[in-house]
């Protein structure tokens, strides 16, 4: 994904400010800026969407494996069109 993308269907720009960050960089930022971490992260919910579309990720899985886990699509919980 690019940092800024145009969504023709919705006629709007999408901004993905953390697209080039890895998970470790996010954790460092949270710590350095005293940002409260989502308690679900410590329970294995690395990528969080709505309740029925999210499950914990187990060790060795891709960090996105917990989203739309029952199918092989690239969908998101209302965040993206693909």
Protein backbone atom coordinates (compact mmCIF):
# COMPACT_ATOMS: atom_id res chain seq x y z
CA UNK A 1 0.00 0.00 0.00
CA UNK A 2 1.15 3.53 -0.62
CA UNK A 3 1.26 6.18 2.11
CA UNK A 4 -1.49 8.13 0.31
CA UNK A 5 -4.00 6.45 -2.01
CA UNK A 6 -7.08 7.57 -3.90
CA UNK A 7 -10.29 5.54 -3.44
CA UNK A 8 -12.22 6.13 -6.64
CA UNK A 9 -15.36 4.36 -5.42
CA UNK A 10 -15.66 6.53 -2.30
CA UNK A 11 -14.04 9.57 -3.96
CA UNK A 12 -11.63 10.19 -1.11
CA UNK A 13 -7.98 9.92 -0.18
CA UNK A 14 -6.80 7.32 2.32
CA UNK A 15 -3.79 8.07 4.47
CA UNK A 16 -1.72 5.16 5.77
CA UNK A 17 0.80 6.93 8.06
CA UNK A 18 2.30 3.78 9.61
CA UNK A 19 2.53 1.72 6.43
CA UNK A 20 6.34 1.58 6.56
CA UNK A 21 6.57 0.85 10.29
CA UNK A 22 7.14 -2.65 11.60
CA UNK A 23 5.51 -3.91 14.78
CA UNK A 24 8.64 -3.27 16.86
CA UNK A 25 8.70 0.39 15.75
CA UNK A 26 5.08 0.76 16.86
CA UNK A 27 5.87 -0.73 20.27
CA UNK A 28 8.87 1.61 20.69
CA UNK A 29 6.73 4.62 19.75
CA UNK A 30 4.06 3.60 22.28
CA UNK A 31 6.66 3.31 25.03
CA UNK A 32 8.55 6.51 24.17
CA UNK A 33 5.37 8.57 23.97
CA UNK A 34 3.58 6.99 26.91
CA UNK A 35 0.68 5.83 24.73
CA UNK A 36 -1.58 3.29 26.38
CA UNK A 37 -1.34 -0.05 24.58
CA UNK A 38 -4.57 -1.85 23.75
CA UNK A 39 -4.91 -4.67 26.34
CA UNK A 40 -5.92 -7.07 23.57
CA UNK A 41 -2.40 -6.84 22.09
CA UNK A 42 -1.00 -8.66 25.10
CA UNK A 43 -3.56 -11.42 24.46
CA UNK A 44 -2.34 -11.98 20.88
CA UNK A 45 -4.70 -9.63 19.06
CA UNK A 46 -2.02 -7.89 17.00
CA UNK A 47 -4.35 -6.56 14.26
CA UNK A 48 -7.76 -5.63 15.64
CA UNK A 49 -10.98 -5.20 13.68
CA UNK A 50 -14.54 -5.91 14.67
CA UNK A 51 -15.29 -8.77 17.06
CA UNK A 52 -16.41 -11.49 14.61
CA UNK A 53 -13.57 -10.75 12.15
CA UNK A 54 -10.68 -10.84 14.63
CA UNK A 55 -8.91 -13.62 16.50
CA UNK A 56 -5.60 -13.81 18.34
CA UNK A 57 -2.47 -14.49 16.29
CA UNK A 58 -0.36 -17.44 17.41
CA UNK A 59 3.44 -17.48 17.41
CA UNK A 60 4.87 -17.89 13.92
CA UNK A 61 1.80 -16.52 12.12
CA UNK A 62 1.75 -13.34 10.08
CA UNK A 63 0.54 -10.39 12.18
CA UNK A 64 -2.51 -10.07 9.87
CA UNK A 65 -3.50 -13.74 10.25
CA UNK A 66 -6.14 -12.86 12.84
CA UNK A 67 -8.21 -10.76 10.43
CA UNK A 68 -10.85 -12.43 8.22
CA UNK A 69 -9.22 -15.68 9.38
CA UNK A 70 -11.86 -17.99 7.90
CA UNK A 71 -11.18 -17.03 4.26
CA UNK A 72 -8.22 -16.29 2.03
CA UNK A 73 -9.35 -12.86 0.80
CA UNK A 74 -7.54 -9.59 1.47
CA UNK A 75 -10.64 -7.87 2.88
CA UNK A 76 -10.65 -5.55 5.84
CA UNK A 77 -13.39 -4.73 8.32
CA UNK A 78 -14.79 -1.79 6.42
CA UNK A 79 -11.43 -0.05 6.22
CA UNK A 80 -10.56 -0.87 2.62
CA UNK A 81 -12.38 -1.80 -0.56
CA UNK A 82 -10.07 -4.73 -1.38
